[in-house]
N, C-alpha and C. Protein backbone atom coordinates (compact mmCIF):
# COMPACT_ATOMS: atom_id res chain seq x y z
N UNK A 1 -3.06 -21.57 10.65
CA UNK A 1 -2.83 -21.29 8.97
C UNK A 1 -2.97 -20.08 8.82
N UNK A 2 -2.49 -19.35 8.10
CA UNK A 2 -2.50 -17.86 7.61
C UNK A 2 -3.78 -17.99 6.34
N UNK A 3 -4.35 -17.20 6.33
CA UNK A 3 -5.33 -16.72 5.24
C UNK A 3 -4.84 -15.87 4.65
N UNK A 4 -4.32 -16.14 3.50
CA UNK A 4 -3.75 -15.35 2.46
C UNK A 4 -4.54 -15.37 1.14
N UNK A 5 -4.36 -14.57 0.32
CA UNK A 5 -4.95 -14.28 -0.90
C UNK A 5 -3.80 -13.74 -1.62
N UNK A 6 -3.85 -14.73 -3.04
CA UNK A 6 -2.92 -14.26 -4.36
C UNK A 6 -3.38 -13.06 -4.82
N UNK A 7 -2.28 -12.04 -5.10
CA UNK A 7 -2.72 -10.57 -5.66
C UNK A 7 -1.87 -10.64 -6.69
N UNK A 8 -2.45 -10.24 -8.09
CA UNK A 8 -1.32 -10.02 -9.18
C UNK A 8 -1.37 -8.71 -9.80
N UNK A 9 -0.40 -8.10 -10.20
CA UNK A 9 -0.51 -7.00 -11.17
C UNK A 9 0.70 -6.82 -11.90
N UNK A 10 0.39 -5.85 -12.68
CA UNK A 10 1.64 -5.47 -14.04
C UNK A 10 2.12 -4.18 -13.19
N UNK A 11 3.63 -4.24 -13.52
CA UNK A 11 4.22 -3.20 -13.04
C UNK A 11 4.92 -2.80 -14.08
N UNK A 12 5.43 -1.17 -13.78
CA UNK A 12 6.16 -0.60 -15.28
C UNK A 12 7.52 -1.22 -14.67
N UNK A 13 8.28 -1.19 -15.68
CA UNK A 13 9.71 -1.82 -15.72
C UNK A 13 10.60 -0.99 -14.45
N UNK A 14 10.35 0.44 -14.58
CA UNK A 14 10.96 1.06 -13.50
C UNK A 14 10.90 0.53 -12.01
N UNK A 15 9.57 0.14 -12.09
CA UNK A 15 9.23 -0.18 -10.45
C UNK A 15 9.58 -1.53 -10.38
N UNK A 16 9.90 -2.30 -11.18
CA UNK A 16 10.42 -3.61 -11.03
C UNK A 16 12.10 -3.42 -10.61
N UNK A 17 12.53 -2.47 -11.40
CA UNK A 17 13.98 -2.47 -11.25
C UNK A 17 14.19 -2.03 -10.01
N UNK A 18 13.30 -0.92 -9.32
CA UNK A 18 13.25 -0.65 -7.99
C UNK A 18 13.02 -1.66 -7.08
N UNK A 19 12.28 -2.50 -7.10
CA UNK A 19 11.59 -3.72 -6.29
C UNK A 19 12.85 -4.84 -6.44
N UNK A 20 13.66 -4.82 -7.36
CA UNK A 20 14.92 -6.07 -7.57
C UNK A 20 15.92 -5.48 -6.76
N UNK A 21 16.19 -3.99 -6.89
CA UNK A 21 17.18 -3.31 -6.07
C UNK A 21 16.92 -3.73 -4.50
N UNK A 22 15.66 -3.24 -4.09
CA UNK A 22 15.11 -3.44 -2.46
C UNK A 22 15.49 -4.87 -2.13
N UNK A 23 15.12 -5.74 -3.30
CA UNK A 23 15.17 -7.22 -2.74
C UNK A 23 16.84 -7.57 -2.78
N UNK A 24 17.63 -7.05 -3.33
CA UNK A 24 18.86 -7.32 -3.17
C UNK A 24 19.36 -6.86 -1.89
N UNK A 25 19.35 -5.54 -1.87
CA UNK A 25 19.65 -4.85 -0.22
C UNK A 25 18.88 -5.71 0.92
N UNK A 26 17.73 -5.88 0.78
CA UNK A 26 17.17 -6.49 2.13
C UNK A 26 17.29 -8.01 2.15
N UNK A 27 17.86 -8.61 0.79
CA UNK A 27 18.06 -9.97 0.77
C UNK A 27 16.87 -10.78 1.34
N UNK A 28 15.63 -10.48 0.41
CA UNK A 28 14.59 -11.10 0.61
C UNK A 28 14.07 -11.44 -0.75
N UNK A 29 13.13 -12.40 -0.54
CA UNK A 29 12.49 -12.73 -1.85
C UNK A 29 11.31 -12.00 -2.54
N UNK A 30 10.91 -11.93 -3.52
CA UNK A 30 9.98 -10.97 -4.22
C UNK A 30 8.70 -10.76 -3.21
N UNK A 31 7.96 -12.03 -2.93
CA UNK A 31 6.88 -11.83 -2.05
C UNK A 31 6.80 -11.09 -0.64
N UNK A 32 7.95 -11.37 0.02
CA UNK A 32 8.05 -10.71 1.04
C UNK A 32 8.42 -8.96 1.00
N UNK A 33 9.44 -8.96 0.18
CA UNK A 33 9.37 -7.50 -0.07
C UNK A 33 7.92 -6.74 -0.63
N UNK A 34 7.37 -7.31 -1.28
CA UNK A 34 6.45 -6.65 -1.92
C UNK A 34 5.21 -6.45 -0.75
N UNK A 35 4.99 -7.38 -0.15
CA UNK A 35 4.05 -7.22 1.35
C UNK A 35 4.81 -6.27 2.24
N UNK A 36 5.95 -6.21 2.64
CA UNK A 36 6.73 -5.33 3.30
C UNK A 36 6.36 -3.99 3.02
N UNK A 37 6.72 -3.66 1.51
CA UNK A 37 6.44 -2.22 1.07
C UNK A 37 4.87 -2.07 1.18
N UNK A 38 4.07 -2.96 0.74
CA UNK A 38 2.54 -2.67 0.37
C UNK A 38 2.30 -2.40 2.13
N UNK A 39 2.56 -3.20 3.09
CA UNK A 39 1.88 -2.95 4.51
C UNK A 39 2.39 -1.64 4.79
N UNK A 40 3.51 -1.03 4.50
CA UNK A 40 4.47 0.16 4.92
C UNK A 40 3.08 1.54 4.15
N UNK A 41 2.83 1.36 3.01
CA UNK A 41 2.25 2.06 1.92
C UNK A 41 0.99 2.32 2.61
N UNK A 42 -0.08 1.01 2.90
CA UNK A 42 -0.81 1.12 3.08
C UNK A 42 -1.18 1.96 4.85
N UNK A 43 -0.01 1.64 5.70
CA UNK A 43 -0.04 2.31 6.59
C UNK A 43 -0.07 3.89 7.15
N UNK A 44 0.96 4.03 5.92
CA UNK A 44 1.22 5.67 5.43
C UNK A 44 -0.23 6.12 4.70
N UNK A 45 -0.73 5.27 4.08
CA UNK A 45 -1.90 5.97 3.32
C UNK A 45 -3.23 6.25 4.77
N UNK A 46 -3.55 5.22 5.70
CA UNK A 46 -4.44 5.32 6.57
C UNK A 46 -3.83 6.40 7.76
N UNK A 47 -2.43 6.59 7.98
CA UNK A 47 -2.67 7.75 8.87
C UNK A 47 -2.95 9.19 8.09
N UNK A 48 -2.68 9.20 6.70
CA UNK A 48 -2.86 10.25 5.97
C UNK A 48 -4.39 10.72 5.84
N UNK A 49 -5.15 9.55 5.78
CA UNK A 49 -6.57 9.73 5.48
C UNK A 49 -7.29 10.13 6.69
N UNK A 50 -6.80 9.35 7.93
CA UNK A 50 -7.70 9.63 8.85
C UNK A 50 -7.33 11.18 9.55
N UNK A 51 -5.91 11.74 9.32
CA UNK A 51 -5.85 12.95 9.91
C UNK A 51 -6.26 13.95 8.94
N UNK A 52 -6.70 13.61 7.63
CA UNK A 52 -7.56 14.67 7.07
C UNK A 52 -8.88 14.49 7.45
N UNK A 53 -9.39 13.19 7.69
CA UNK A 53 -10.81 13.33 8.32
C UNK A 53 -10.88 13.99 9.62
N UNK A 54 -9.65 14.03 10.69
CA UNK A 54 -9.81 14.74 11.77
C UNK A 54 -10.10 16.15 11.60
N UNK A 55 -8.74 16.70 10.35
CA UNK A 55 -8.88 17.98 9.85
C UNK A 55 -9.98 18.59 9.86
N UNK A 56 -10.66 17.92 8.81
CA UNK A 56 -12.11 18.11 8.50
C UNK A 56 -13.29 18.13 9.19
N UNK A 57 -12.91 17.66 10.46
CA UNK A 57 -13.86 17.35 11.76
C UNK A 57 -14.88 16.63 11.56
N UNK A 58 -14.36 15.33 10.80
CA UNK A 58 -15.43 14.57 10.52
C UNK A 58 -15.13 13.25 11.37
N UNK A 59 -14.07 13.24 12.30
CA UNK A 59 -13.77 12.54 13.21
C UNK A 59 -12.95 13.01 14.39
N UNK A 60 -13.04 12.13 15.79
CA UNK A 60 -12.27 12.82 16.78
C UNK A 60 -10.92 12.22 16.72
N UNK A 61 -9.93 12.66 17.31
CA UNK A 61 -8.52 12.55 17.23
C UNK A 61 -8.25 10.96 17.91
N UNK A 62 -9.04 10.93 18.78
CA UNK A 62 -9.26 9.46 19.47
C UNK A 62 -9.09 8.31 18.30
N UNK A 63 -10.37 8.50 17.74
CA UNK A 63 -10.85 7.74 16.33
C UNK A 63 -10.07 7.55 15.56
N UNK A 64 -9.48 8.73 15.12
CA UNK A 64 -8.45 9.02 13.87
C UNK A 64 -7.43 8.03 14.41
N UNK A 65 -6.94 8.10 15.48
CA UNK A 65 -5.80 7.42 15.71
C UNK A 65 -5.85 5.78 15.62
N UNK A 66 -7.33 5.50 16.15
CA UNK A 66 -7.65 4.13 16.55
C UNK A 66 -7.86 3.41 15.03
N UNK A 67 -8.40 4.35 14.13
CA UNK A 67 -8.50 3.68 12.78
C UNK A 67 -7.28 3.75 11.88
N UNK A 68 -6.45 4.64 12.27
CA UNK A 68 -5.18 4.83 11.69
C UNK A 68 -4.10 3.32 11.83
N UNK A 69 -4.35 2.94 13.31
CA UNK A 69 -3.78 1.96 13.87
C UNK A 69 -2.59 2.54 14.72
N UNK A 70 -2.66 3.76 15.04
CA UNK A 70 -1.44 4.42 15.82
C UNK A 70 -1.89 4.87 17.37
N UNK A 71 -0.82 5.31 18.03
CA UNK A 71 -1.43 6.02 19.42
C UNK A 71 -1.72 7.24 19.02
N UNK A 72 -2.53 7.92 20.07
CA UNK A 72 -3.26 9.04 19.88
C UNK A 72 -2.07 10.33 19.74
N UNK A 73 -1.01 10.16 20.72
CA UNK A 73 0.36 10.51 20.64
C UNK A 73 0.95 10.66 18.85
N UNK A 74 0.97 9.76 18.46
CA UNK A 74 1.62 9.43 17.08
C UNK A 74 0.74 10.38 16.29
N UNK A 75 -0.60 10.03 16.37
CA UNK A 75 -1.61 10.89 15.39
C UNK A 75 -1.35 12.39 15.57
N UNK A 76 -1.24 12.98 16.84
CA UNK A 76 -1.15 14.35 17.38
C UNK A 76 -0.01 14.60 16.53
N UNK A 77 1.29 14.07 16.83
CA UNK A 77 2.40 14.24 16.20
C UNK A 77 2.48 14.49 14.54
N UNK A 78 1.80 13.33 14.01
CA UNK A 78 1.54 13.59 12.45
C UNK A 78 0.60 14.90 12.08
N UNK A 79 -0.04 15.18 12.92
CA UNK A 79 -1.17 16.50 12.56
C UNK A 79 -0.25 17.57 12.87
N UNK A 80 0.21 17.68 13.72
CA UNK A 80 1.25 18.82 13.98
C UNK A 80 2.36 19.20 12.92
N UNK A 81 2.82 17.98 12.65
CA UNK A 81 3.66 18.14 11.60
C UNK A 81 3.46 18.52 10.05
N UNK A 82 2.07 17.96 10.08
CA UNK A 82 1.69 18.44 8.84
C UNK A 82 0.43 19.74 8.40
N UNK A 83 0.64 20.60 9.63
CA UNK A 83 -0.14 21.73 10.00
C UNK A 83 -1.54 21.22 9.54
N UNK A 84 -2.04 20.13 10.23
CA UNK A 84 -3.53 19.96 10.32
C UNK A 84 -4.09 20.96 11.38
N UNK A 85 -5.16 21.86 11.22
CA UNK A 85 -5.57 22.42 12.55
C UNK A 85 -6.29 21.39 13.33
N UNK A 86 -6.00 21.62 14.71
CA UNK A 86 -6.69 20.91 15.71
C UNK A 86 -7.74 21.14 15.91
N UNK A 87 -8.77 20.17 16.29
CA UNK A 87 -10.01 20.09 16.45
C UNK A 87 -10.48 19.54 17.78
N UNK A 88 -10.11 20.41 19.02
CA UNK A 88 -10.64 19.97 19.97
C UNK A 88 -11.90 20.78 20.72
N UNK A 89 -12.89 19.77 20.85
CA UNK A 89 -14.00 20.43 21.36
C UNK A 89 -14.39 20.03 22.65
N UNK A 90 -15.29 20.66 23.39
CA UNK A 90 -15.72 20.84 24.76
C UNK A 90 -15.77 19.07 24.98
N UNK A 91 -16.52 18.12 24.52
CA UNK A 91 -16.32 16.58 24.83
C UNK A 91 -15.54 16.29 24.85
N UNK A 92 -14.23 16.44 24.09
CA UNK A 92 -12.90 15.90 24.23
C UNK A 92 -12.51 16.41 25.13
N UNK A 93 -12.42 17.70 25.76
CA UNK A 93 -11.84 18.57 27.02
C UNK A 93 -12.38 17.80 28.28
N UNK A 94 -13.63 17.31 28.42
CA UNK A 94 -14.50 16.94 29.12
C UNK A 94 -13.96 15.46 29.31
N UNK A 95 -13.55 15.03 28.47
CA UNK A 95 -13.33 13.54 28.52
C UNK A 95 -11.65 13.42 28.99
N UNK A 96 -10.86 14.24 28.63
CA UNK A 96 -9.54 14.37 28.83
C UNK A 96 -9.41 14.64 30.50
N UNK A 97 -10.16 15.59 30.80
CA UNK A 97 -10.36 15.78 32.41
C UNK A 97 -10.75 14.70 33.34
N UNK A 98 -11.65 13.92 32.78
CA UNK A 98 -12.24 12.97 33.41
C UNK A 98 -11.04 11.53 33.50
N UNK A 99 -10.19 11.49 32.56
CA UNK A 99 -9.13 10.53 32.40
C UNK A 99 -7.73 11.11 33.41
N UNK A 100 -7.78 12.23 33.38
CA UNK A 100 -6.70 12.78 34.26
C UNK A 100 -7.29 12.55 35.81
N UNK A 101 -8.58 13.01 36.16
CA UNK A 101 -8.90 12.88 37.48
C UNK A 101 -9.11 11.28 37.57
N UNK A 102 -9.39 10.44 37.31
CA UNK A 102 -9.42 8.85 37.44
C UNK A 102 -8.14 8.44 37.43
N UNK A 103 -7.02 8.88 36.87
CA UNK A 103 -5.60 8.38 37.17
C UNK A 103 -4.98 8.98 38.56
N UNK A 104 -5.51 10.13 38.92
CA UNK A 104 -5.09 10.95 40.00
C UNK A 104 -5.70 10.22 41.23
N UNK A 105 -6.51 10.02 40.88
CA UNK A 105 -7.57 9.38 42.31
C UNK A 105 -7.86 8.16 42.26
């Protein structure tokens, strides 16, 4: 059994019109549409937030990717596309070298 919680909110009329349009196009009910859109928005928020944390040197690339729920390659691509400065320290370099050597040997 899924553990779900009902969440209610008031929405502006324009947003409801957009939501209804999406429901018609997607041929889905309100609940499914809202869950899908909210999930996408949360995923995007996490990607933006953890990329900023990385750019501010508050976390590593690997941890930012993990916390955002994406691969390191996806996080690197996002960081590059949004011109967030790379934070690549000696510890990360040594870790990467160990990983490479482990795969080769």
